[in-house]
Amino acid sequence: MKSNNELQTVLDEITKMDSNFDTESFIRFCRFLVIPNVLEAIVRCDLKILKDWCYEAPFNVLATPLRQIQEQGLISESRVLDIHNVDVSIASRSTLFSSIDKKKHPGAWLI
């Protein structure tokens, strides 16, 4: 129950900062642009592209196993087949007010 209240609080704060924010549009943006690019960067072990889509902390978490794969000389042969049922389920106020340049990264609320 607490997380639903926190999610709504974060969505309210985002709406205060950006009156044009719409949850459904955000979910579509994530489903068709952000998530495919992040997943594709992960399966290709492409740290440069991954860094373009993530802030430092999530990038470091995602990049660590990818670096290990590269150091061992392994090749990732994963594929993204489909992305569906995307939804906003958790949000945190602690990351909401980090330095976000919404014009440069409109999906920054996510990552």
N, C-alpha and C. Protein backbone atom coordinates (compact mmCIF):
# COMPACT_ATOMS: atom_id res chain seq x y z
N MET A 1 0.82 -1.19 0.00
CA MET A 1 0.00 0.00 0.00
C MET A 1 0.87 1.26 0.00
N LYS A 2 1.97 1.21 0.74
CA LYS A 2 2.84 2.37 0.81
C LYS A 2 3.41 2.72 -0.56
N SER A 3 3.80 1.70 -1.33
CA SER A 3 4.40 1.98 -2.63
C SER A 3 3.41 2.62 -3.59
N ASN A 4 2.11 2.24 -3.52
CA ASN A 4 1.10 2.89 -4.36
C ASN A 4 0.98 4.36 -4.01
N ASN A 5 1.00 4.67 -2.70
CA ASN A 5 0.93 6.06 -2.28
C ASN A 5 2.17 6.81 -2.74
N GLU A 6 3.33 6.19 -2.63
CA GLU A 6 4.57 6.84 -3.06
C GLU A 6 4.57 7.02 -4.57
N LEU A 7 4.08 6.03 -5.30
CA LEU A 7 3.98 6.16 -6.75
C LEU A 7 3.10 7.34 -7.12
N GLN A 8 1.94 7.45 -6.49
CA GLN A 8 1.04 8.56 -6.79
C GLN A 8 1.67 9.90 -6.41
N THR A 9 2.39 9.93 -5.30
CA THR A 9 3.08 11.16 -4.89
C THR A 9 4.10 11.57 -5.93
N VAL A 10 4.87 10.61 -6.42
CA VAL A 10 5.88 10.91 -7.44
C VAL A 10 5.21 11.37 -8.73
N LEU A 11 4.15 10.69 -9.15
CA LEU A 11 3.44 11.11 -10.36
C LEU A 11 2.87 12.51 -10.21
N ASP A 12 2.36 12.83 -9.02
CA ASP A 12 1.86 14.19 -8.76
C ASP A 12 2.98 15.22 -8.85
N GLU A 13 4.16 14.88 -8.31
CA GLU A 13 5.30 15.80 -8.36
C GLU A 13 5.76 16.01 -9.81
N ILE A 14 5.77 14.94 -10.58
CA ILE A 14 6.16 15.07 -11.99
C ILE A 14 5.16 15.97 -12.72
N THR A 15 3.88 15.78 -12.45
CA THR A 15 2.85 16.60 -13.08
C THR A 15 2.99 18.07 -12.70
N LYS A 16 3.40 18.33 -11.46
CA LYS A 16 3.65 19.72 -11.05
C LYS A 16 4.81 20.32 -11.83
N MET A 17 5.83 19.51 -12.09
CA MET A 17 7.01 19.99 -12.82
C MET A 17 6.74 20.08 -14.32
N ASP A 18 5.89 19.20 -14.82
CA ASP A 18 5.59 19.15 -16.25
C ASP A 18 4.09 18.92 -16.42
N SER A 19 3.35 19.99 -16.64
CA SER A 19 1.89 19.88 -16.71
C SER A 19 1.42 19.04 -17.90
N ASN A 20 2.28 18.81 -18.87
CA ASN A 20 1.92 17.98 -20.03
C ASN A 20 2.18 16.50 -19.81
N PHE A 21 2.72 16.14 -18.65
CA PHE A 21 3.04 14.73 -18.38
C PHE A 21 1.77 13.90 -18.36
N ASP A 22 1.83 12.78 -19.08
CA ASP A 22 0.71 11.85 -19.14
C ASP A 22 1.28 10.44 -18.96
N THR A 23 0.76 9.71 -17.99
CA THR A 23 1.30 8.39 -17.68
C THR A 23 1.26 7.45 -18.88
N GLU A 24 0.14 7.44 -19.60
CA GLU A 24 0.01 6.55 -20.76
C GLU A 24 1.02 6.89 -21.85
N SER A 25 1.22 8.17 -22.11
CA SER A 25 2.22 8.58 -23.10
C SER A 25 3.62 8.19 -22.65
N PHE A 26 3.87 8.34 -21.36
CA PHE A 26 5.17 7.97 -20.80
C PHE A 26 5.42 6.47 -20.97
N ILE A 27 4.40 5.67 -20.69
CA ILE A 27 4.53 4.22 -20.84
C ILE A 27 4.80 3.85 -22.30
N ARG A 28 4.08 4.49 -23.23
CA ARG A 28 4.34 4.23 -24.66
C ARG A 28 5.76 4.63 -25.03
N PHE A 29 6.20 5.79 -24.54
CA PHE A 29 7.56 6.26 -24.80
C PHE A 29 8.58 5.23 -24.29
N CYS A 30 8.35 4.73 -23.09
CA CYS A 30 9.26 3.73 -22.52
C CYS A 30 9.22 2.43 -23.32
N ARG A 31 8.01 1.99 -23.66
CA ARG A 31 7.86 0.71 -24.36
C ARG A 31 8.50 0.72 -25.74
N PHE A 32 8.34 1.81 -26.46
CA PHE A 32 8.79 1.82 -27.85
C PHE A 32 10.14 2.47 -28.08
N LEU A 33 10.65 3.21 -27.10
CA LEU A 33 11.93 3.88 -27.32
C LEU A 33 12.97 3.55 -26.25
N VAL A 34 12.67 3.83 -25.01
CA VAL A 34 13.67 3.67 -23.95
C VAL A 34 14.02 2.21 -23.72
N ILE A 35 13.04 1.40 -23.40
CA ILE A 35 13.29 0.00 -23.04
C ILE A 35 13.96 -0.77 -24.19
N PRO A 36 13.47 -0.66 -25.43
CA PRO A 36 14.17 -1.38 -26.51
C PRO A 36 15.63 -0.96 -26.67
N ASN A 37 15.92 0.33 -26.55
CA ASN A 37 17.30 0.79 -26.70
C ASN A 37 18.19 0.30 -25.56
N VAL A 38 17.67 0.34 -24.34
CA VAL A 38 18.45 -0.14 -23.20
C VAL A 38 18.68 -1.64 -23.31
N LEU A 39 17.63 -2.40 -23.61
CA LEU A 39 17.78 -3.85 -23.74
C LEU A 39 18.71 -4.22 -24.89
N GLU A 40 18.58 -3.53 -26.01
CA GLU A 40 19.46 -3.81 -27.15
C GLU A 40 20.92 -3.54 -26.80
N ALA A 41 21.16 -2.45 -26.08
CA ALA A 41 22.54 -2.15 -25.65
C ALA A 41 23.06 -3.24 -24.72
N ILE A 42 22.19 -3.75 -23.85
CA ILE A 42 22.61 -4.80 -22.93
C ILE A 42 22.94 -6.09 -23.68
N VAL A 43 22.05 -6.52 -24.58
CA VAL A 43 22.30 -7.79 -25.27
C VAL A 43 23.48 -7.70 -26.22
N ARG A 44 23.80 -6.52 -26.70
CA ARG A 44 24.98 -6.34 -27.58
C ARG A 44 26.25 -6.01 -26.80
N CYS A 45 26.10 -5.86 -25.48
CA CYS A 45 27.22 -5.43 -24.63
C CYS A 45 27.80 -4.10 -25.12
N ASP A 46 26.94 -3.22 -25.55
CA ASP A 46 27.35 -1.92 -26.08
C ASP A 46 27.28 -0.88 -24.97
N LEU A 47 28.40 -0.72 -24.26
CA LEU A 47 28.45 0.17 -23.11
C LEU A 47 28.28 1.64 -23.50
N LYS A 48 28.71 2.00 -24.68
CA LYS A 48 28.58 3.39 -25.12
C LYS A 48 27.10 3.78 -25.25
N ILE A 49 26.33 2.96 -25.92
CA ILE A 49 24.90 3.25 -26.07
C ILE A 49 24.20 3.16 -24.73
N LEU A 50 24.53 2.17 -23.92
CA LEU A 50 23.93 2.03 -22.60
C LEU A 50 24.17 3.28 -21.76
N LYS A 51 25.37 3.81 -21.83
CA LYS A 51 25.70 5.02 -21.06
C LYS A 51 24.88 6.22 -21.54
N ASP A 52 24.57 6.27 -22.83
CA ASP A 52 23.73 7.35 -23.36
C ASP A 52 22.32 7.32 -22.79
N TRP A 53 21.84 6.15 -22.41
CA TRP A 53 20.46 5.99 -21.95
C TRP A 53 20.31 5.95 -20.43
N CYS A 54 21.39 5.83 -19.69
CA CYS A 54 21.30 5.66 -18.23
C CYS A 54 22.10 6.72 -17.49
N TYR A 55 21.63 7.05 -16.32
CA TYR A 55 22.44 7.86 -15.42
C TYR A 55 23.51 6.96 -14.81
N GLU A 56 24.44 7.55 -14.09
CA GLU A 56 25.64 6.85 -13.65
C GLU A 56 25.35 5.60 -12.81
N ALA A 57 24.50 5.72 -11.80
CA ALA A 57 24.26 4.58 -10.90
C ALA A 57 23.64 3.39 -11.63
N PRO A 58 22.54 3.55 -12.37
CA PRO A 58 22.01 2.38 -13.09
C PRO A 58 22.96 1.87 -14.16
N PHE A 59 23.69 2.78 -14.79
CA PHE A 59 24.67 2.35 -15.80
C PHE A 59 25.70 1.42 -15.16
N ASN A 60 26.23 1.81 -14.00
CA ASN A 60 27.25 0.99 -13.34
C ASN A 60 26.72 -0.38 -12.97
N VAL A 61 25.47 -0.44 -12.51
CA VAL A 61 24.87 -1.73 -12.15
C VAL A 61 24.74 -2.62 -13.39
N LEU A 62 24.25 -2.03 -14.49
CA LEU A 62 24.05 -2.81 -15.71
C LEU A 62 25.36 -3.13 -16.43
N ALA A 63 26.33 -2.24 -16.33
CA ALA A 63 27.58 -2.42 -17.08
C ALA A 63 28.52 -3.44 -16.45
N THR A 64 28.43 -3.65 -15.15
CA THR A 64 29.37 -4.56 -14.47
C THR A 64 29.37 -5.96 -15.08
N PRO A 65 28.22 -6.63 -15.20
CA PRO A 65 28.27 -7.97 -15.81
C PRO A 65 28.66 -7.93 -17.29
N LEU A 66 28.32 -6.84 -17.98
CA LEU A 66 28.70 -6.74 -19.39
C LEU A 66 30.21 -6.62 -19.54
N ARG A 67 30.83 -5.87 -18.65
CA ARG A 67 32.30 -5.76 -18.68
C ARG A 67 32.95 -7.12 -18.40
N GLN A 68 32.36 -7.87 -17.48
CA GLN A 68 32.89 -9.20 -17.17
C GLN A 68 32.80 -10.11 -18.38
N ILE A 69 31.70 -10.02 -19.11
CA ILE A 69 31.54 -10.81 -20.33
C ILE A 69 32.63 -10.44 -21.34
N GLN A 70 32.85 -9.13 -21.50
CA GLN A 70 33.86 -8.67 -22.46
C GLN A 70 35.27 -9.08 -22.03
N GLU A 71 35.57 -8.97 -20.73
CA GLU A 71 36.90 -9.32 -20.23
C GLU A 71 37.20 -10.80 -20.43
N GLN A 72 36.17 -11.64 -20.36
CA GLN A 72 36.37 -13.07 -20.55
C GLN A 72 36.38 -13.47 -22.02
N GLY A 73 36.16 -12.50 -22.89
CA GLY A 73 36.16 -12.78 -24.32
C GLY A 73 34.92 -13.51 -24.80
N LEU A 74 33.86 -13.46 -24.01
CA LEU A 74 32.61 -14.13 -24.38
C LEU A 74 31.80 -13.24 -25.32
N ILE A 75 30.86 -13.84 -26.00
CA ILE A 75 29.98 -13.11 -26.92
C ILE A 75 28.54 -13.34 -26.48
N SER A 76 27.80 -12.26 -26.36
CA SER A 76 26.38 -12.36 -26.01
C SER A 76 25.59 -12.65 -27.28
N GLU A 77 24.79 -13.70 -27.24
CA GLU A 77 23.95 -14.05 -28.38
C GLU A 77 22.48 -13.96 -28.00
N SER A 78 22.16 -13.08 -27.09
CA SER A 78 20.78 -12.88 -26.66
C SER A 78 20.03 -12.05 -27.69
N ARG A 79 18.70 -12.15 -27.65
CA ARG A 79 17.85 -11.35 -28.54
C ARG A 79 16.63 -10.90 -27.77
N VAL A 80 16.17 -9.71 -28.07
CA VAL A 80 14.91 -9.21 -27.51
C VAL A 80 13.82 -9.57 -28.51
N LEU A 81 12.87 -10.39 -28.09
CA LEU A 81 11.82 -10.83 -29.00
C LEU A 81 10.59 -9.94 -28.95
N ASP A 82 10.22 -9.50 -27.75
CA ASP A 82 9.00 -8.71 -27.63
C ASP A 82 9.02 -7.94 -26.32
N ILE A 83 8.38 -6.80 -26.33
CA ILE A 83 8.21 -6.01 -25.11
C ILE A 83 6.72 -5.67 -25.03
N HIS A 84 6.07 -6.15 -23.97
CA HIS A 84 4.66 -5.85 -23.80
C HIS A 84 4.33 -5.80 -22.31
N ASN A 85 3.13 -5.38 -22.00
CA ASN A 85 2.65 -5.23 -20.62
C ASN A 85 3.55 -4.30 -19.80
N VAL A 86 4.01 -3.22 -20.41
CA VAL A 86 4.83 -2.24 -19.70
C VAL A 86 3.91 -1.40 -18.83
N ASP A 87 4.32 -1.17 -17.59
CA ASP A 87 3.52 -0.36 -16.67
C ASP A 87 4.44 0.33 -15.68
N VAL A 88 3.93 1.39 -15.08
CA VAL A 88 4.66 2.06 -14.02
C VAL A 88 4.20 1.42 -12.72
N SER A 89 5.12 0.79 -12.00
CA SER A 89 4.73 0.10 -10.78
C SER A 89 5.39 0.67 -9.53
N ILE A 90 6.60 1.22 -9.65
CA ILE A 90 7.25 1.82 -8.49
C ILE A 90 7.91 3.12 -8.91
N ALA A 91 8.02 3.99 -7.96
CA ALA A 91 8.71 5.27 -8.18
C ALA A 91 9.21 5.74 -6.83
N SER A 92 10.28 6.50 -6.87
CA SER A 92 10.89 6.97 -5.63
C SER A 92 11.14 8.46 -5.71
N ARG A 93 10.75 9.17 -4.67
CA ARG A 93 11.00 10.61 -4.63
C ARG A 93 12.48 10.89 -4.50
N SER A 94 13.25 9.97 -3.95
CA SER A 94 14.67 10.23 -3.74
C SER A 94 15.41 10.40 -5.06
N THR A 95 14.95 9.75 -6.12
CA THR A 95 15.60 9.90 -7.41
C THR A 95 14.91 10.92 -8.31
N LEU A 96 13.71 11.32 -7.94
CA LEU A 96 12.95 12.25 -8.77
C LEU A 96 13.64 13.58 -8.94
N PHE A 97 14.23 14.08 -7.89
CA PHE A 97 14.78 15.43 -7.94
C PHE A 97 16.27 15.46 -8.21
N SER A 98 16.82 14.35 -8.71
CA SER A 98 18.22 14.39 -9.14
C SER A 98 18.30 15.30 -10.36
N SER A 99 19.49 15.63 -10.76
CA SER A 99 19.63 16.58 -11.86
C SER A 99 19.14 15.96 -13.16
N ILE A 100 17.95 16.33 -13.55
CA ILE A 100 17.34 15.79 -14.75
C ILE A 100 17.21 16.91 -15.78
N ASP A 101 17.76 16.68 -16.93
CA ASP A 101 17.58 17.60 -18.04
C ASP A 101 16.50 16.98 -18.92
N LYS A 102 15.25 17.39 -18.70
CA LYS A 102 14.13 16.78 -19.40
C LYS A 102 14.18 17.00 -20.90
N LYS A 103 14.80 18.08 -21.35
CA LYS A 103 14.87 18.32 -22.78
C LYS A 103 15.84 17.35 -23.44
N LYS A 104 16.92 17.04 -22.75
CA LYS A 104 17.91 16.11 -23.30
C LYS A 104 17.47 14.66 -23.13
N HIS A 105 16.86 14.35 -21.97
CA HIS A 105 16.45 12.98 -21.66
C HIS A 105 15.00 12.97 -21.19
N PRO A 106 14.02 13.01 -22.10
CA PRO A 106 12.62 13.03 -21.67
C PRO A 106 12.21 11.77 -20.93
N GLY A 107 12.93 10.67 -21.08
CA GLY A 107 12.62 9.44 -20.36
C GLY A 107 13.38 9.31 -19.06
N ALA A 108 13.98 10.38 -18.61
CA ALA A 108 14.84 10.32 -17.43
C ALA A 108 14.07 10.01 -16.16
N TRP A 109 12.76 10.15 -16.20
CA TRP A 109 11.99 9.79 -15.00
C TRP A 109 12.15 8.30 -14.73
N LEU A 110 12.46 7.54 -15.75
CA LEU A 110 12.52 6.09 -15.61
C LEU A 110 13.87 5.58 -15.16
N ILE A 111 14.90 6.01 -15.82
CA ILE A 111 16.19 5.38 -15.59
C ILE A 111 17.06 6.27 -14.75
